C-alpha atoms as a PDB file:
ATOM      1  CA  MET A   1      16.230   6.180   9.153  1.00  0.00           C
ATOM      2  CA  ALA A   2      13.202   5.105   7.129  1.00  0.00           C
ATOM      3  CA  THR A   3      13.932   2.349   4.624  1.00  0.00           C
ATOM      4  CA  LEU A   4      12.219   0.618   1.734  1.00  0.00           C
ATOM      5  CA  LEU A   5      12.111  -3.104   2.563  1.00  0.00           C
ATOM      6  CA  ALA A   6      10.451  -4.445  -0.591  1.00  0.00           C
ATOM      7  CA  VAL A   7       9.080  -3.437  -3.976  1.00  0.00           C
ATOM      8  CA  CYS A   8       6.189  -5.683  -5.002  1.00  0.00           C
ATOM      9  CA  ALA A   9       4.336  -6.260  -8.260  1.00  0.00           C
ATOM     10  CA  VAL A  10       1.577  -8.670  -9.215  1.00  0.00           C
ATOM     11  CA  HIS A  11       2.678 -12.291  -9.062  1.00  0.00           C
ATOM     12  CA  ARG A  12      -0.496 -13.885 -10.366  1.00  0.00           C
ATOM     13  CA  LEU A  13      -4.116 -12.988 -10.987  1.00  0.00           C
ATOM     14  CA  HIS A  14      -6.629 -15.038  -8.989  1.00  0.00           C
ATOM     15  CA  ALA A  15     -10.278 -15.735  -9.660  1.00  0.00           C
ATOM     16  CA  ASP A  16     -12.500 -13.881  -7.197  1.00  0.00           C
ATOM     17  CA  PRO A  17     -16.279 -14.054  -6.708  1.00  0.00           C
ATOM     18  CA  GLY A  18     -16.534 -10.251  -6.470  1.00  0.00           C
ATOM     19  CA  SER A  19     -17.970  -8.042  -9.194  1.00  0.00           C
ATOM     20  CA  VAL A  20     -14.744  -7.912 -11.245  1.00  0.00           C
ATOM     21  CA  GLY A  21     -14.240 -11.691 -11.204  1.00  0.00           C
ATOM     22  CA  THR A  22     -10.482 -11.544 -10.663  1.00  0.00           C
ATOM     23  CA  THR A  23      -8.024  -9.970  -8.244  1.00  0.00           C
ATOM     24  CA  ALA A  24      -4.421  -8.777  -8.562  1.00  0.00           C
ATOM     25  CA  ILE A  25      -3.871  -8.494  -4.782  1.00  0.00           C
ATOM     26  CA  ASP A  26      -1.222 -11.284  -4.909  1.00  0.00           C
ATOM     27  CA  LYS A  27       1.901  -9.146  -5.175  1.00  0.00           C
ATOM     28  CA  ARG A  28       5.440 -10.408  -4.528  1.00  0.00           C
ATOM     29  CA  PRO A  29       8.820  -8.755  -4.031  1.00  0.00           C
ATOM     30  CA  VAL A  30      10.750  -8.160  -7.230  1.00  0.00           C
ATOM     31  CA  PRO A  31      14.560  -8.084  -7.316  1.00  0.00           C
ATOM     32  CA  GLY A  32      16.729  -5.163  -8.300  1.00  0.00           C
ATOM     33  CA  ARG A  33      15.847  -1.610  -9.219  1.00  0.00           C
ATOM     34  CA  MET A  34      12.289  -1.181 -10.445  1.00  0.00           C
ATOM     35  CA  ARG A  35      10.951   1.560 -12.663  1.00  0.00           C
ATOM     36  CA  VAL A  36       8.037   3.561 -11.326  1.00  0.00           C
ATOM     37  CA  GLY A  37       5.879   5.724 -13.570  1.00  0.00           C
ATOM     38  CA  PRO A  38       2.591   7.634 -13.337  1.00  0.00           C
ATOM     39  CA  LEU A  39       0.576   4.409 -12.969  1.00  0.00           C
ATOM     40  CA  GLY A  40       2.925   2.795 -10.442  1.00  0.00           C
ATOM     41  CA  VAL A  41       5.497   0.015 -10.387  1.00  0.00           C
ATOM     42  CA  TYR A  42       6.232  -1.307 -13.877  1.00  0.00           C
ATOM     43  CA  GLY A  43       4.918  -4.845 -14.301  1.00  0.00           C
ATOM     44  CA  ASP A  44       2.165  -4.357 -11.730  1.00  0.00           C
ATOM     45  CA  VAL A  45      -1.558  -4.396 -12.547  1.00  0.00           C
ATOM     46  CA  GLN A  46      -4.842  -3.793 -10.762  1.00  0.00           C
ATOM     47  CA  ALA A  47      -7.862  -5.899 -11.650  1.00  0.00           C
ATOM     48  CA  ASP A  48     -10.386  -3.416 -10.218  1.00  0.00           C
ATOM     49  CA  ARG A  49      -9.252  -0.052 -11.544  1.00  0.00           C
ATOM     50  CA  LYS A  50     -12.400   1.651 -10.291  1.00  0.00           C
ATOM     51  CA  HIS A  51     -11.216   1.193  -6.688  1.00  0.00           C
ATOM     52  CA  HIS A  52      -7.467   0.554  -7.072  1.00  0.00           C
ATOM     53  CA  GLY A  53      -4.848   2.032  -9.344  1.00  0.00           C
ATOM     54  CA  GLY A  54      -4.921   5.049 -11.575  1.00  0.00           C
ATOM     55  CA  GLU A  55      -2.750   8.084 -11.064  1.00  0.00           C
ATOM     56  CA  ASP A  56      -4.037   8.952  -7.570  1.00  0.00           C
ATOM     57  CA  LYS A  57      -3.673   5.346  -6.353  1.00  0.00           C
ATOM     58  CA  ALA A  58      -0.560   4.444  -8.339  1.00  0.00           C
ATOM     59  CA  VAL A  59       1.443   3.074  -5.398  1.00  0.00           C
ATOM     60  CA  TYR A  60       0.067   1.419  -2.259  1.00  0.00           C
ATOM     61  CA  VAL A  61       2.485   1.624   0.676  1.00  0.00           C
ATOM     62  CA  TYR A  62       2.353  -0.417   3.891  1.00  0.00           C
ATOM     63  CA  ALA A  63       4.532  -0.267   7.008  1.00  0.00           C
ATOM     64  CA  GLN A  64       6.405  -3.274   8.369  1.00  0.00           C
ATOM     65  CA  GLU A  65       5.516  -2.110  11.879  1.00  0.00           C
ATOM     66  CA  ASP A  66       1.809  -2.455  11.037  1.00  0.00           C
ATOM     67  CA  ALA A  67       2.375  -5.811   9.326  1.00  0.00           C
ATOM     68  CA  ASP A  68       4.189  -7.021  12.476  1.00  0.00           C
ATOM     69  CA  TRP A  69       1.256  -5.855  14.608  1.00  0.00           C
ATOM     70  CA  TRP A  70      -1.164  -7.793  12.391  1.00  0.00           C
ATOM     71  CA  ALA A  71       1.114 -10.849  12.438  1.00  0.00           C
ATOM     72  CA  ALA A  72       0.915 -10.868  16.248  1.00  0.00           C
ATOM     73  CA  GLU A  73      -2.866 -10.274  16.213  1.00  0.00           C
ATOM     74  CA  LEU A  74      -3.532 -13.029  13.665  1.00  0.00           C
ATOM     75  CA  GLY A  75      -0.816 -15.471  14.705  1.00  0.00           C
ATOM     76  CA  ARG A  76       0.624 -15.699  11.197  1.00  0.00           C
ATOM     77  CA  GLU A  77       3.169 -13.994   9.010  1.00  0.00           C
ATOM     78  CA  ILE A  78       2.234 -11.103   6.747  1.00  0.00           C
ATOM     79  CA  PRO A  79       4.760 -11.497   3.894  1.00  0.00           C
ATOM     80  CA  HIS A  80       5.630  -8.538   1.694  1.00  0.00           C
ATOM     81  CA  GLY A  81       2.831  -7.944  -0.825  1.00  0.00           C
ATOM     82  CA  THR A  82       1.311 -11.416  -0.770  1.00  0.00           C
ATOM     83  CA  LEU A  83      -1.721 -10.831   1.463  1.00  0.00           C
ATOM     84  CA  PHE A  84      -2.114  -7.060   1.802  1.00  0.00           C
ATOM     85  CA  GLY A  85      -1.264  -6.328  -1.845  1.00  0.00           C
ATOM     86  CA  GLU A  86       1.082  -3.420  -1.196  1.00  0.00           C
ATOM     87  CA  ASN A  87       3.584  -2.183  -3.759  1.00  0.00           C
ATOM     88  CA  LEU A  88       6.053  -0.860  -1.200  1.00  0.00           C
ATOM     89  CA  ARG A  89       6.802  -2.211   2.290  1.00  0.00           C
ATOM     90  CA  THR A  90       8.585   0.295   4.512  1.00  0.00           C
ATOM     91  CA  LYS A  91      10.280   0.404   7.889  1.00  0.00           C
ATOM     92  CA  GLY A  92      10.745   3.371  10.191  1.00  0.00           C
ATOM     93  CA  ILE A  93       8.006   5.680   8.875  1.00  0.00           C
ATOM     94  CA  ASP A  94       4.337   6.002   9.905  1.00  0.00           C
ATOM     95  CA  VAL A  95       2.653   5.294   6.579  1.00  0.00           C
ATOM     96  CA  SER A  96      -0.937   5.789   7.792  1.00  0.00           C
ATOM     97  CA  GLY A  97       0.216   8.985   9.486  1.00  0.00           C
ATOM     98  CA  ALA A  98       1.345  10.488   6.179  1.00  0.00           C
ATOM     99  CA  ARG A  99      -0.372  13.799   5.507  1.00  0.00           C
ATOM    100  CA  VAL A 100      -2.242  14.229   2.225  1.00  0.00           C
ATOM    101  CA  GLY A 101       0.213  16.068  -0.009  1.00  0.00           C
ATOM    102  CA  GLU A 102       3.232  14.773   1.901  1.00  0.00           C
ATOM    103  CA  ARG A 103       6.049  13.867  -0.479  1.00  0.00           C
ATOM    104  CA  TRP A 104       8.663  11.156  -0.123  1.00  0.00           C
ATOM    105  CA  ARG A 105      11.798  10.523  -2.166  1.00  0.00           C
ATOM    106  CA  ILE A 106      12.824   6.892  -2.543  1.00  0.00           C
ATOM    107  CA  GLY A 107      15.696   6.290  -4.937  1.00  0.00           C
ATOM    108  CA  ASP A 108      15.088   8.936  -7.575  1.00  0.00           C
ATOM    109  CA  VAL A 109      11.297   8.501  -7.404  1.00  0.00           C
ATOM    110  CA  GLU A 110       9.142  11.095  -5.671  1.00  0.00           C
ATOM    111  CA  ILE A 111       5.667  10.117  -4.484  1.00  0.00           C
ATOM    112  CA  GLU A 112       2.868  12.115  -2.832  1.00  0.00           C
ATOM    113  CA  ALA A 113       0.326  10.797  -0.309  1.00  0.00           C
ATOM    114  CA  THR A 114      -3.245  10.995  -1.630  1.00  0.00           C
ATOM    115  CA  MET A 115      -5.586   8.855   0.505  1.00  0.00           C
ATOM    116  CA  PRO A 116      -5.906   5.871   2.838  1.00  0.00           C
ATOM    117  CA  ARG A 117      -6.711   2.369   1.708  1.00  0.00           C
ATOM    118  CA  SER A 118     -10.328   1.356   2.184  1.00  0.00           C
ATOM    119  CA  PRO A 119     -10.532  -2.355   3.006  1.00  0.00           C
ATOM    120  CA  CYS A 120     -12.889  -4.446   0.883  1.00  0.00           C
ATOM    121  CA  MET A 121     -14.301  -7.956   0.670  1.00  0.00           C
ATOM    122  CA  THR A 122     -11.709  -8.996  -1.945  1.00  0.00           C
ATOM    123  CA  PHE A 123      -9.061  -8.219   0.683  1.00  0.00           C
ATOM    124  CA  ALA A 124     -11.054 -10.172   3.297  1.00  0.00           C
ATOM    125  CA  ARG A 125     -11.300 -13.181   0.966  1.00  0.00           C
ATOM    126  CA  ARG A 126      -7.556 -13.002   0.243  1.00  0.00           C
ATOM    127  CA  MET A 127      -6.912 -13.099   3.984  1.00  0.00           C
ATOM    128  CA  GLY A 128      -9.341 -16.022   4.375  1.00  0.00           C
ATOM    129  CA  LEU A 129     -11.283 -13.923   6.890  1.00  0.00           C
ATOM    130  CA  GLU A 130     -14.402 -12.942   4.919  1.00  0.00           C
ATOM    131  CA  ASN A 131     -16.701 -14.496   7.544  1.00  0.00           C
ATOM    132  CA  GLU A 132     -14.822 -13.064  10.517  1.00  0.00           C
ATOM    133  CA  GLY A 133     -15.475  -9.338  10.140  1.00  0.00           C
ATOM    134  CA  TRP A 134     -12.075  -8.656   8.598  1.00  0.00           C
ATOM    135  CA  VAL A 135     -13.076  -5.445   6.785  1.00  0.00           C
ATOM    136  CA  ARG A 136     -14.461  -3.924   9.980  1.00  0.00           C
ATOM    137  CA  ARG A 137     -11.539  -5.171  12.078  1.00  0.00           C
ATOM    138  CA  PHE A 138      -8.926  -3.807   9.656  1.00  0.00           C
ATOM    139  CA  ALA A 139     -10.744  -0.470   9.466  1.00  0.00           C
ATOM    140  CA  GLU A 140     -11.079  -0.153  13.241  1.00  0.00           C
ATOM    141  CA  ALA A 141      -7.363  -0.799  13.782  1.00  0.00           C
ATOM    142  CA  ARG A 142      -6.551   2.232  11.560  1.00  0.00           C
ATOM    143  CA  ARG A 143      -3.403   0.461  10.265  1.00  0.00           C
ATOM    144  CA  LEU A 144      -4.548   1.064   6.701  1.00  0.00           C
ATOM    145  CA  GLY A 145      -1.554   2.008   4.615  1.00  0.00           C
ATOM    146  CA  THR A 146      -1.667   4.893   2.181  1.00  0.00           C
ATOM    147  CA  TYR A 147      -2.000   5.397  -1.561  1.00  0.00           C
ATOM    148  CA  PHE A 148       0.473   7.689  -3.312  1.00  0.00           C
ATOM    149  CA  ARG A 149       0.642   9.297  -6.713  1.00  0.00           C
ATOM    150  CA  VAL A 150       3.935   9.501  -8.592  1.00  0.00           C
ATOM    151  CA  VAL A 151       5.284  13.048  -8.801  1.00  0.00           C
ATOM    152  CA  ARG A 152       8.615  12.128 -10.383  1.00  0.00           C
ATOM    153  CA  LYS A 153       9.159   8.831 -12.154  1.00  0.00           C
ATOM    154  CA  GLY A 154      12.408   6.923 -11.819  1.00  0.00           C
ATOM    155  CA  THR A 155      13.724   3.784 -10.143  1.00  0.00           C
ATOM    156  CA  LEU A 156      13.796   2.454  -6.603  1.00  0.00           C
ATOM    157  CA  ALA A 157      14.847  -0.754  -4.871  1.00  0.00           C
ATOM    158  CA  ALA A 158      14.684  -2.520  -1.536  1.00  0.00           C
ATOM    159  CA  GLY A 159      17.250  -0.955   0.764  1.00  0.00           C
ATOM    160  CA  ASP A 160      16.738   2.610  -0.498  1.00  0.00           C
ATOM    161  CA  ALA A 161      16.317   5.320   2.127  1.00  0.00           C
ATOM    162  CA  ILE A 162      12.966   7.102   2.376  1.00  0.00           C
ATOM    163  CA  GLU A 163      13.266  10.847   2.735  1.00  0.00           C
ATOM    164  CA  ARG A 164      10.365  13.168   3.527  1.00  0.00           C
ATOM    165  CA  VAL A 165      10.838  16.111   1.175  1.00  0.00           C
ATOM    166  CA  HIS A 166       7.617  18.005   1.902  1.00  0.00           C
ATOM    167  CA  VAL A 167       5.084  17.793   4.737  1.00  0.00           C
ATOM    168  CA  PRO A 168       2.095  20.178   4.613  1.00  0.00           C
ATOM    169  CA  ASP A 169       1.448  21.307   8.187  1.00  0.00           C
ATOM    170  CA  ASP A 170      -2.298  21.775   7.848  1.00  0.00           C
ATOM    171  CA  ALA A 171      -3.266  18.691   5.817  1.00  0.00           C
ATOM    172  CA  PRO A 172      -5.041  15.731   7.429  1.00  0.00           C
ATOM    173  CA  THR A 173      -3.305  12.377   7.676  1.00  0.00           C
ATOM    174  CA  ALA A 174      -4.554   9.337   5.776  1.00  0.00           C
ATOM    175  CA  ARG A 175      -5.689   7.912   9.126  1.00  0.00           C
ATOM    176  CA  GLU A 176      -7.676  11.090   9.924  1.00  0.00           C
ATOM    177  CA  ILE A 177      -9.375  11.060   6.522  1.00  0.00           C
ATOM    178  CA  PHE A 178     -10.432   7.447   6.999  1.00  0.00           C
ATOM    179  CA  ARG A 179     -11.741   8.165  10.503  1.00  0.00           C
ATOM    180  CA  ALA A 180     -13.763  11.144   9.211  1.00  0.00           C
ATOM    181  CA  ALA A 181     -15.231   9.099   6.353  1.00  0.00           C
ATOM    182  CA  GLY A 182     -16.159   6.192   8.637  1.00  0.00           C
END
């Protein structure tokens, strides 16, 4: 059974030398049931709304299985939200294999896959790997995570089951879209 391991929202904004000057990638798990609306998890923010956030990128989801793979590759832990900046950390579901238009129910929230994450230099700086080809390495591994829009607002919490409620047979996966764009 697929499970939600953590719900994360911004912990602190950090200065960043990129074009926006700040980053909200530092997300941390929040306790209890969290409200989720059209722009994502309540209490969360995105510093660069041109590339992150908005209704089509309201919730960024990342799989624990992919985080574990990266932890082994990098020789360090990948805590929920802190480094990758995801809103939801899952277990038991292929997040990057979600088809565009695929819908999941978590708690009483329904979300729909829209697109893969595109790694950027802010992410590389957060990882401390900006001079080590992190953007290319992350992209080549195709363990990207997926953005979702909110179809039905409500609440969710760590421990909630994740149920696929609709999977379009002919839609590409987030991973396939990223591969085609690259």
